Amino acid sequence: MEELLVEAEGAQQICLIKPPVKKNTIPIDLKLHNDIRAVERARFAHQVAEKRRLIKQYKMERERQQKLEEQEEIKRLRKELIPKAQLMPYFDRPFVPRRSEKQPTVPREPKFCIPRHKTIRCCRMSCNDMSGPSQLQHLPSSVEKTKALYKNRGLQ
């Protein structure tokens, strides 16, 4: 170890300087997997974009070719098409409708009866309350029949 005397600003200072033990380390260039992966991904994205562009270009070319073929087909058909006259309909015999051979339908009376399992409990009670003879006169015949059946069975 060496001792050095250093004079600074009129005062004397004593400094000890250590000898270098080893050399300074030189940093090496690090290649992280992240950086390599980013480069590969960018290359792949470029390839995909190029492929999509080629597919789009191919589709446009194919559509253009198909449109040209359709136009040529239309031109050819128009050249081959020969106009033909339509036949005139016969008006010398007037149309006379015939009477139908089917029998007319027979009208039926509608069924106003509601099945017992579909009736509401309060409606059943109101029907049971209407058992007087004056109230039965305005009820349809089917309801009268069901009331009679219920009376016979004792289900009232």
N, C-alpha and C. Protein backbone atom coordinates (compact mmCIF):
# COMPACT_ATOMS: atom_id res chain seq x y z
N MET A 1 0.82 -1.16 0.00
CA MET A 1 0.00 0.00 0.00
C MET A 1 0.88 1.24 0.00
N GLU A 2 0.40 2.09 -0.76
CA GLU A 2 1.17 3.32 -0.90
C GLU A 2 0.44 4.46 -0.23
N GLU A 3 1.19 5.33 0.24
CA GLU A 3 0.61 6.52 0.83
C GLU A 3 0.92 7.69 -0.05
N LEU A 4 -0.06 8.48 -0.29
CA LEU A 4 0.12 9.67 -1.11
C LEU A 4 -0.29 10.89 -0.31
N LEU A 5 0.44 11.85 -0.51
CA LEU A 5 0.09 13.12 0.11
C LEU A 5 -0.52 14.01 -0.95
N VAL A 6 -1.67 14.47 -0.67
CA VAL A 6 -2.35 15.33 -1.63
C VAL A 6 -2.61 16.66 -0.94
N GLU A 7 -2.20 17.69 -1.62
CA GLU A 7 -2.44 19.02 -1.07
C GLU A 7 -3.63 19.62 -1.79
N ALA A 8 -4.58 20.02 -1.04
CA ALA A 8 -5.75 20.63 -1.65
C ALA A 8 -6.18 21.81 -0.80
N GLU A 9 -6.28 22.93 -1.40
CA GLU A 9 -6.74 24.18 -0.83
C GLU A 9 -5.97 24.57 0.43
N GLY A 10 -4.74 24.44 0.38
CA GLY A 10 -3.88 24.89 1.45
C GLY A 10 -3.78 23.95 2.63
N ALA A 11 -4.46 22.81 2.65
CA ALA A 11 -4.39 21.88 3.77
C ALA A 11 -3.80 20.58 3.29
N GLN A 12 -3.17 19.89 4.11
CA GLN A 12 -2.57 18.63 3.73
C GLN A 12 -3.50 17.47 4.13
N GLN A 13 -3.72 16.57 3.18
CA GLN A 13 -4.54 15.40 3.45
C GLN A 13 -3.75 14.16 3.06
N ILE A 14 -3.95 13.11 3.79
CA ILE A 14 -3.27 11.88 3.51
C ILE A 14 -4.32 10.89 3.03
N CYS A 15 -4.14 10.31 1.84
CA CYS A 15 -5.07 9.34 1.26
C CYS A 15 -4.34 8.04 1.01
N LEU A 16 -5.01 6.97 1.32
CA LEU A 16 -4.47 5.66 1.04
C LEU A 16 -5.18 5.10 -0.19
N ILE A 17 -4.48 4.64 -1.19
CA ILE A 17 -5.04 4.06 -2.40
C ILE A 17 -4.72 2.58 -2.40
N LYS A 18 -5.81 1.75 -2.57
CA LYS A 18 -5.63 0.31 -2.59
C LYS A 18 -5.27 -0.11 -4.01
N PRO A 19 -4.43 -1.12 -4.13
CA PRO A 19 -4.10 -1.61 -5.46
C PRO A 19 -5.29 -2.39 -6.04
N PRO A 20 -5.48 -2.40 -7.37
CA PRO A 20 -6.61 -3.15 -7.97
C PRO A 20 -6.44 -4.65 -7.76
N VAL A 21 -7.49 -5.30 -7.21
CA VAL A 21 -7.44 -6.71 -6.93
C VAL A 21 -7.72 -7.50 -8.21
N LYS A 22 -8.77 -7.11 -8.96
CA LYS A 22 -9.08 -7.77 -10.24
C LYS A 22 -9.54 -6.71 -11.22
N LYS A 23 -9.63 -7.10 -12.46
CA LYS A 23 -10.00 -6.16 -13.50
C LYS A 23 -11.50 -5.89 -13.45
N ASN A 24 -11.89 -4.75 -13.99
CA ASN A 24 -13.32 -4.43 -14.08
C ASN A 24 -14.02 -5.42 -15.02
N THR A 25 -15.24 -5.78 -14.64
CA THR A 25 -15.99 -6.72 -15.47
C THR A 25 -16.58 -6.00 -16.68
N ILE A 26 -16.52 -6.69 -17.78
CA ILE A 26 -17.09 -6.14 -19.02
C ILE A 26 -18.47 -6.79 -19.21
N PRO A 27 -19.52 -5.98 -19.34
CA PRO A 27 -20.86 -6.59 -19.49
C PRO A 27 -20.98 -7.30 -20.83
N ILE A 28 -21.63 -8.45 -20.80
CA ILE A 28 -21.83 -9.20 -22.04
C ILE A 28 -23.24 -8.90 -22.56
N ASP A 29 -23.42 -9.08 -23.84
CA ASP A 29 -24.71 -8.82 -24.46
C ASP A 29 -25.66 -9.98 -24.13
N LEU A 30 -26.73 -9.70 -23.38
CA LEU A 30 -27.68 -10.73 -22.99
C LEU A 30 -28.73 -10.92 -24.09
N LYS A 31 -29.06 -12.16 -24.37
CA LYS A 31 -30.14 -12.47 -25.31
C LYS A 31 -31.22 -13.20 -24.51
N LEU A 32 -32.28 -12.48 -24.19
CA LEU A 32 -33.35 -13.07 -23.43
C LEU A 32 -34.30 -13.83 -24.36
N HIS A 33 -34.94 -14.84 -23.82
CA HIS A 33 -35.91 -15.63 -24.59
C HIS A 33 -37.07 -14.75 -25.04
N ASN A 34 -37.43 -13.78 -24.24
CA ASN A 34 -38.50 -12.85 -24.57
C ASN A 34 -38.21 -12.10 -25.88
N ASP A 35 -36.99 -11.62 -26.01
CA ASP A 35 -36.61 -10.87 -27.22
C ASP A 35 -36.62 -11.77 -28.45
N ILE A 36 -36.12 -12.99 -28.30
CA ILE A 36 -36.10 -13.94 -29.42
C ILE A 36 -37.53 -14.28 -29.84
N ARG A 37 -38.37 -14.51 -28.84
CA ARG A 37 -39.77 -14.85 -29.11
C ARG A 37 -40.49 -13.69 -29.81
N ALA A 38 -40.20 -12.46 -29.43
CA ALA A 38 -40.83 -11.28 -30.05
C ALA A 38 -40.44 -11.18 -31.53
N VAL A 39 -39.18 -11.47 -31.84
CA VAL A 39 -38.73 -11.43 -33.24
C VAL A 39 -39.43 -12.52 -34.05
N GLU A 40 -39.51 -13.74 -33.48
CA GLU A 40 -40.18 -14.84 -34.19
C GLU A 40 -41.66 -14.53 -34.40
N ARG A 41 -42.28 -13.95 -33.39
CA ARG A 41 -43.71 -13.62 -33.49
C ARG A 41 -43.94 -12.54 -34.55
N ALA A 42 -43.08 -11.55 -34.63
CA ALA A 42 -43.21 -10.51 -35.65
C ALA A 42 -43.06 -11.11 -37.04
N ARG A 43 -42.12 -12.05 -37.21
CA ARG A 43 -41.92 -12.71 -38.49
C ARG A 43 -43.17 -13.52 -38.86
N PHE A 44 -43.73 -14.24 -37.87
CA PHE A 44 -44.93 -15.04 -38.11
C PHE A 44 -46.12 -14.13 -38.48
N ALA A 45 -46.29 -13.03 -37.76
CA ALA A 45 -47.39 -12.10 -38.05
C ALA A 45 -47.26 -11.54 -39.46
N HIS A 46 -46.03 -11.27 -39.89
CA HIS A 46 -45.80 -10.78 -41.26
C HIS A 46 -46.19 -11.86 -42.28
N GLN A 47 -45.85 -13.11 -42.01
CA GLN A 47 -46.21 -14.20 -42.92
C GLN A 47 -47.73 -14.36 -43.01
N VAL A 48 -48.41 -14.27 -41.88
CA VAL A 48 -49.87 -14.40 -41.87
C VAL A 48 -50.51 -13.27 -42.66
N ALA A 49 -50.01 -12.05 -42.46
CA ALA A 49 -50.56 -10.90 -43.18
C ALA A 49 -50.35 -11.06 -44.69
N GLU A 50 -49.18 -11.55 -45.07
CA GLU A 50 -48.89 -11.77 -46.49
C GLU A 50 -49.81 -12.84 -47.07
N LYS A 51 -50.04 -13.91 -46.32
CA LYS A 51 -50.92 -14.99 -46.77
C LYS A 51 -52.35 -14.49 -46.95
N ARG A 52 -52.83 -13.70 -45.98
CA ARG A 52 -54.19 -13.13 -46.09
C ARG A 52 -54.31 -12.22 -47.30
N ARG A 53 -53.28 -11.43 -47.54
CA ARG A 53 -53.30 -10.53 -48.70
C ARG A 53 -53.37 -11.34 -50.00
N LEU A 54 -52.62 -12.44 -50.08
CA LEU A 54 -52.64 -13.27 -51.27
C LEU A 54 -54.00 -13.94 -51.47
N ILE A 55 -54.61 -14.41 -50.36
CA ILE A 55 -55.93 -15.04 -50.44
C ILE A 55 -56.97 -14.03 -50.92
N LYS A 56 -56.90 -12.82 -50.37
CA LYS A 56 -57.85 -11.76 -50.77
C LYS A 56 -57.67 -11.43 -52.24
N GLN A 57 -56.44 -11.34 -52.69
CA GLN A 57 -56.16 -11.04 -54.09
C GLN A 57 -56.68 -12.17 -54.98
N TYR A 58 -56.49 -13.43 -54.55
CA TYR A 58 -56.96 -14.58 -55.32
C TYR A 58 -58.48 -14.56 -55.43
N LYS A 59 -59.17 -14.26 -54.31
CA LYS A 59 -60.63 -14.20 -54.34
C LYS A 59 -61.13 -13.12 -55.28
N MET A 60 -60.50 -11.95 -55.24
CA MET A 60 -60.92 -10.86 -56.12
C MET A 60 -60.72 -11.25 -57.59
N GLU A 61 -59.61 -11.90 -57.88
CA GLU A 61 -59.34 -12.34 -59.25
C GLU A 61 -60.38 -13.38 -59.69
N ARG A 62 -60.70 -14.32 -58.81
CA ARG A 62 -61.68 -15.34 -59.14
C ARG A 62 -63.06 -14.73 -59.37
N GLU A 63 -63.46 -13.77 -58.53
CA GLU A 63 -64.75 -13.09 -58.71
C GLU A 63 -64.79 -12.33 -60.04
N ARG A 64 -63.68 -11.70 -60.37
CA ARG A 64 -63.62 -10.96 -61.64
C ARG A 64 -63.77 -11.91 -62.82
N GLN A 65 -63.08 -13.07 -62.75
CA GLN A 65 -63.18 -14.06 -63.82
C GLN A 65 -64.62 -14.60 -63.92
N GLN A 66 -65.24 -14.85 -62.78
CA GLN A 66 -66.60 -15.38 -62.78
C GLN A 66 -67.58 -14.35 -63.37
N LYS A 67 -67.38 -13.09 -63.05
CA LYS A 67 -68.25 -12.04 -63.59
C LYS A 67 -68.08 -11.94 -65.11
N LEU A 68 -66.85 -12.05 -65.58
CA LEU A 68 -66.62 -12.01 -67.03
C LEU A 68 -67.28 -13.20 -67.72
N GLU A 69 -67.16 -14.39 -67.10
CA GLU A 69 -67.79 -15.58 -67.69
C GLU A 69 -69.31 -15.44 -67.74
N GLU A 70 -69.91 -14.89 -66.68
CA GLU A 70 -71.36 -14.69 -66.67
C GLU A 70 -71.78 -13.71 -67.77
N GLN A 71 -71.02 -12.63 -67.94
CA GLN A 71 -71.35 -11.66 -68.99
C GLN A 71 -71.26 -12.30 -70.37
N GLU A 72 -70.22 -13.11 -70.59
CA GLU A 72 -70.09 -13.79 -71.88
C GLU A 72 -71.24 -14.77 -72.10
N GLU A 73 -71.65 -15.47 -71.04
CA GLU A 73 -72.77 -16.41 -71.13
C GLU A 73 -74.06 -15.67 -71.47
N ILE A 74 -74.28 -14.53 -70.85
CA ILE A 74 -75.48 -13.73 -71.15
C ILE A 74 -75.47 -13.27 -72.59
N LYS A 75 -74.32 -12.81 -73.07
CA LYS A 75 -74.23 -12.37 -74.47
C LYS A 75 -74.53 -13.53 -75.42
N ARG A 76 -73.98 -14.71 -75.12
CA ARG A 76 -74.21 -15.87 -75.97
C ARG A 76 -75.68 -16.27 -75.97
N LEU A 77 -76.31 -16.28 -74.79
CA LEU A 77 -77.73 -16.64 -74.72
C LEU A 77 -78.61 -15.64 -75.46
N ARG A 78 -78.25 -14.37 -75.39
CA ARG A 78 -79.05 -13.36 -76.09
C ARG A 78 -78.94 -13.53 -77.61
N LYS A 79 -77.78 -13.94 -78.07
CA LYS A 79 -77.63 -14.17 -79.50
C LYS A 79 -78.43 -15.39 -79.95
N GLU A 80 -78.44 -16.43 -79.10
CA GLU A 80 -79.14 -17.66 -79.46
C GLU A 80 -80.64 -17.56 -79.28
N LEU A 81 -81.10 -16.66 -78.43
CA LEU A 81 -82.51 -16.56 -78.10
C LEU A 81 -83.31 -16.08 -79.31
N ILE A 82 -84.31 -16.86 -79.67
CA ILE A 82 -85.19 -16.49 -80.78
C ILE A 82 -86.54 -16.13 -80.18
N PRO A 83 -87.03 -14.94 -80.43
CA PRO A 83 -88.32 -14.57 -79.86
C PRO A 83 -89.43 -15.41 -80.48
N LYS A 84 -90.30 -15.94 -79.63
CA LYS A 84 -91.42 -16.75 -80.09
C LYS A 84 -92.71 -16.07 -79.68
N ALA A 85 -93.69 -16.14 -80.55
CA ALA A 85 -94.98 -15.53 -80.26
C ALA A 85 -95.75 -16.40 -79.28
N GLN A 86 -96.48 -15.73 -78.39
CA GLN A 86 -97.32 -16.44 -77.44
C GLN A 86 -98.66 -16.76 -78.10
N LEU A 87 -99.21 -17.91 -77.81
CA LEU A 87 -100.49 -18.29 -78.37
C LEU A 87 -101.59 -17.43 -77.77
N MET A 88 -102.56 -17.06 -78.59
CA MET A 88 -103.69 -16.27 -78.10
C MET A 88 -104.66 -17.19 -77.38
N PRO A 89 -105.19 -16.76 -76.24
CA PRO A 89 -106.20 -17.58 -75.57
C PRO A 89 -107.51 -17.55 -76.35
N TYR A 90 -108.29 -18.62 -76.19
CA TYR A 90 -109.57 -18.70 -76.88
C TYR A 90 -110.63 -17.96 -76.08
N PHE A 91 -111.24 -16.96 -76.72
CA PHE A 91 -112.31 -16.20 -76.09
C PHE A 91 -113.67 -16.49 -76.71
N ASP A 92 -113.73 -17.41 -77.64
CA ASP A 92 -115.00 -17.69 -78.30
C ASP A 92 -115.95 -18.49 -77.41
N ARG A 93 -115.43 -19.22 -76.40
CA ARG A 93 -116.29 -19.95 -75.46
C ARG A 93 -116.25 -19.22 -74.12
N PRO A 94 -117.34 -18.65 -73.68
CA PRO A 94 -117.31 -17.94 -72.39
C PRO A 94 -117.24 -18.95 -71.24
N PHE A 95 -116.69 -18.52 -70.13
CA PHE A 95 -116.54 -19.37 -68.95
C PHE A 95 -117.86 -19.37 -68.17
N VAL A 96 -118.41 -20.55 -67.94
CA VAL A 96 -119.63 -20.69 -67.16
C VAL A 96 -119.30 -21.60 -65.97
N PRO A 97 -119.39 -21.08 -64.77
CA PRO A 97 -119.06 -21.92 -63.62
C PRO A 97 -120.11 -23.00 -63.39
N ARG A 98 -119.68 -24.20 -62.99
CA ARG A 98 -120.60 -25.31 -62.72
C ARG A 98 -120.99 -25.31 -61.25
N ARG A 99 -122.13 -25.87 -60.99
CA ARG A 99 -122.61 -26.00 -59.62
C ARG A 99 -121.81 -27.12 -58.93
N SER A 100 -121.51 -26.94 -57.67
CA SER A 100 -120.74 -27.93 -56.92
C SER A 100 -121.54 -29.21 -56.72
N GLU A 101 -120.85 -30.34 -56.75
CA GLU A 101 -121.50 -31.63 -56.58
C GLU A 101 -121.52 -32.07 -55.12
N LYS A 102 -120.84 -31.38 -54.25
CA LYS A 102 -120.79 -31.74 -52.84
C LYS A 102 -122.08 -31.32 -52.14
N GLN A 103 -122.43 -32.06 -51.10
CA GLN A 103 -123.60 -31.74 -50.29
C GLN A 103 -123.26 -30.58 -49.35
N PRO A 104 -124.21 -29.70 -49.07
CA PRO A 104 -123.93 -28.60 -48.13
C PRO A 104 -123.73 -29.16 -46.72
N THR A 105 -123.01 -28.45 -45.91
CA THR A 105 -122.73 -28.90 -44.54
C THR A 105 -123.95 -28.72 -43.66
N VAL A 106 -124.06 -29.56 -42.67
CA VAL A 106 -125.19 -29.50 -41.73
C VAL A 106 -124.72 -28.73 -40.50
N PRO A 107 -125.42 -27.66 -40.12
CA PRO A 107 -124.98 -26.89 -38.95
C PRO A 107 -125.22 -27.67 -37.66
N ARG A 108 -124.33 -27.51 -36.69
CA ARG A 108 -124.46 -28.17 -35.40
C ARG A 108 -124.50 -27.11 -34.30
N GLU A 109 -125.12 -27.47 -33.21
CA GLU A 109 -125.20 -26.56 -32.08
C GLU A 109 -123.85 -26.60 -31.35
N PRO A 110 -123.30 -25.45 -30.97
CA PRO A 110 -122.01 -25.45 -30.28
C PRO A 110 -122.13 -26.05 -28.88
N LYS A 111 -121.03 -26.62 -28.39
CA LYS A 111 -121.01 -27.21 -27.06
C LYS A 111 -120.44 -26.19 -26.09
N PHE A 112 -121.29 -25.74 -25.19
CA PHE A 112 -120.87 -24.77 -24.19
C PHE A 112 -120.46 -25.43 -22.88
N CYS A 113 -120.40 -26.72 -22.85
CA CYS A 113 -120.10 -27.46 -21.62
C CYS A 113 -118.61 -27.39 -21.35
N ILE A 114 -118.26 -27.08 -20.11
CA ILE A 114 -116.86 -27.08 -19.70
C ILE A 114 -116.65 -28.35 -18.90
N PRO A 115 -115.65 -29.17 -19.22
CA PRO A 115 -115.42 -30.41 -18.47
C PRO A 115 -115.16 -30.12 -17.00
N ARG A 116 -115.53 -31.08 -16.16
CA ARG A 116 -115.45 -30.89 -14.71
C ARG A 116 -114.01 -30.63 -14.24
N HIS A 117 -113.04 -31.31 -14.84
CA HIS A 117 -111.66 -31.13 -14.39
C HIS A 117 -111.08 -29.79 -14.82
N LYS A 118 -111.73 -29.10 -15.77
CA LYS A 118 -111.23 -27.81 -16.23
C LYS A 118 -111.94 -26.63 -15.55
N THR A 119 -113.01 -26.89 -14.85
CA THR A 119 -113.73 -25.81 -14.20
C THR A 119 -113.02 -25.38 -12.94
N ILE A 120 -113.23 -24.14 -12.58
CA ILE A 120 -112.63 -23.59 -11.37
C ILE A 120 -113.59 -23.88 -10.22
N ARG A 121 -113.06 -24.04 -9.04
CA ARG A 121 -113.85 -24.43 -7.89
C ARG A 121 -114.97 -23.41 -7.63
N CYS A 122 -114.66 -22.11 -7.75
CA CYS A 122 -115.68 -21.09 -7.50
C CYS A 122 -116.78 -21.17 -8.55
N CYS A 123 -116.46 -21.55 -9.79
CA CYS A 123 -117.47 -21.68 -10.83
C CYS A 123 -118.39 -22.86 -10.53
N ARG A 124 -117.84 -23.93 -9.98
CA ARG A 124 -118.66 -25.08 -9.63
C ARG A 124 -119.69 -24.70 -8.57
N MET A 125 -119.24 -23.91 -7.62
CA MET A 125 -120.14 -23.49 -6.55
C MET A 125 -121.25 -22.62 -7.11
N SER A 126 -120.91 -21.73 -8.05
CA SER A 126 -121.93 -20.86 -8.61
C SER A 126 -122.92 -21.66 -9.46
N CYS A 127 -122.45 -22.71 -10.14
CA CYS A 127 -123.35 -23.57 -10.90
C CYS A 127 -124.27 -24.34 -9.96
N ASN A 128 -123.74 -24.76 -8.81
CA ASN A 128 -124.55 -25.49 -7.85
C ASN A 128 -125.59 -24.58 -7.22
N ASP A 129 -125.25 -23.31 -7.04
CA ASP A 129 -126.19 -22.35 -6.47
C ASP A 129 -127.35 -22.09 -7.41
N MET A 130 -127.13 -22.27 -8.71
CA MET A 130 -128.16 -21.97 -9.71
C MET A 130 -129.04 -23.19 -9.96
N SER A 131 -129.42 -23.89 -8.93
CA SER A 131 -130.19 -25.10 -9.12
C SER A 131 -131.69 -24.86 -9.16
N GLY A 132 -132.13 -23.63 -8.97
CA GLY A 132 -133.56 -23.32 -8.99
C GLY A 132 -134.14 -23.48 -10.37
N PRO A 133 -135.46 -23.77 -10.49
CA PRO A 133 -136.09 -23.99 -11.78
C PRO A 133 -136.13 -22.74 -12.66
N SER A 134 -136.20 -21.57 -12.06
CA SER A 134 -136.26 -20.36 -12.87
C SER A 134 -134.91 -20.07 -13.51
N GLN A 135 -133.84 -20.47 -12.84
CA GLN A 135 -132.52 -20.21 -13.38
C GLN A 135 -132.11 -21.25 -14.41
N LEU A 136 -132.69 -22.43 -14.39
CA LEU A 136 -132.35 -23.46 -15.36
C LEU A 136 -132.96 -23.19 -16.72
N GLN A 137 -133.92 -22.32 -16.81
CA GLN A 137 -134.59 -22.07 -18.08
C GLN A 137 -133.65 -21.42 -19.10
N HIS A 138 -132.75 -20.55 -18.64
CA HIS A 138 -131.87 -19.87 -19.60
C HIS A 138 -130.57 -20.63 -19.87
N LEU A 139 -130.31 -21.75 -19.19
CA LEU A 139 -129.10 -22.54 -19.45
C LEU A 139 -129.27 -23.38 -20.70
N PRO A 140 -128.19 -23.60 -21.46
CA PRO A 140 -128.28 -24.47 -22.64
C PRO A 140 -128.59 -25.91 -22.24
N SER A 141 -129.04 -26.69 -23.20
CA SER A 141 -129.45 -28.06 -22.94
C SER A 141 -128.30 -28.94 -22.45
N SER A 142 -127.08 -28.72 -22.91
CA SER A 142 -125.95 -29.56 -22.50
C SER A 142 -125.64 -29.34 -21.02
N VAL A 143 -125.79 -28.12 -20.53
CA VAL A 143 -125.52 -27.85 -19.13
C VAL A 143 -126.60 -28.52 -18.28
N GLU A 144 -127.85 -28.50 -18.76
CA GLU A 144 -128.94 -29.16 -18.04
C GLU A 144 -128.66 -30.65 -17.93
N LYS A 145 -128.16 -31.24 -18.99
CA LYS A 145 -127.88 -32.67 -18.98
C LYS A 145 -126.79 -33.00 -17.95
N THR A 146 -125.72 -32.18 -17.91
CA THR A 146 -124.65 -32.45 -16.96
C THR A 146 -125.13 -32.27 -15.53
N LYS A 147 -125.97 -31.26 -15.30
CA LYS A 147 -126.53 -31.07 -13.95
C LYS A 147 -127.34 -32.30 -13.53
N ALA A 148 -128.11 -32.84 -14.47
CA ALA A 148 -128.93 -34.01 -14.17
C ALA A 148 -128.03 -35.21 -13.85
N LEU A 149 -126.96 -35.37 -14.60
CA LEU A 149 -126.04 -36.47 -14.33
C LEU A 149 -125.42 -36.35 -12.95
N TYR A 150 -125.02 -35.12 -12.58
CA TYR A 150 -124.40 -34.90 -11.27
C TYR A 150 -125.40 -35.20 -10.16
N LYS A 151 -126.66 -34.83 -10.37
CA LYS A 151 -127.68 -35.10 -9.36
C LYS A 151 -127.90 -36.60 -9.19
N ASN A 152 -127.91 -37.33 -10.34
CA ASN A 152 -128.10 -38.78 -10.30
C ASN A 152 -126.97 -39.48 -9.55
N ARG A 153 -125.76 -38.98 -9.73
CA ARG A 153 -124.60 -39.61 -9.11
C ARG A 153 -124.40 -39.15 -7.67
N GLY A 154 -125.05 -38.08 -7.30
CA GLY A 154 -124.91 -37.56 -5.95
C GLY A 154 -123.63 -36.76 -5.77
N LEU A 155 -123.14 -36.16 -6.88
CA LEU A 155 -121.89 -35.42 -6.81
C LEU A 155 -122.10 -33.92 -6.58
N GLN A 156 -123.29 -33.51 -6.38
CA GLN A 156 -123.57 -32.09 -6.27
C GLN A 156 -122.89 -31.53 -5.11
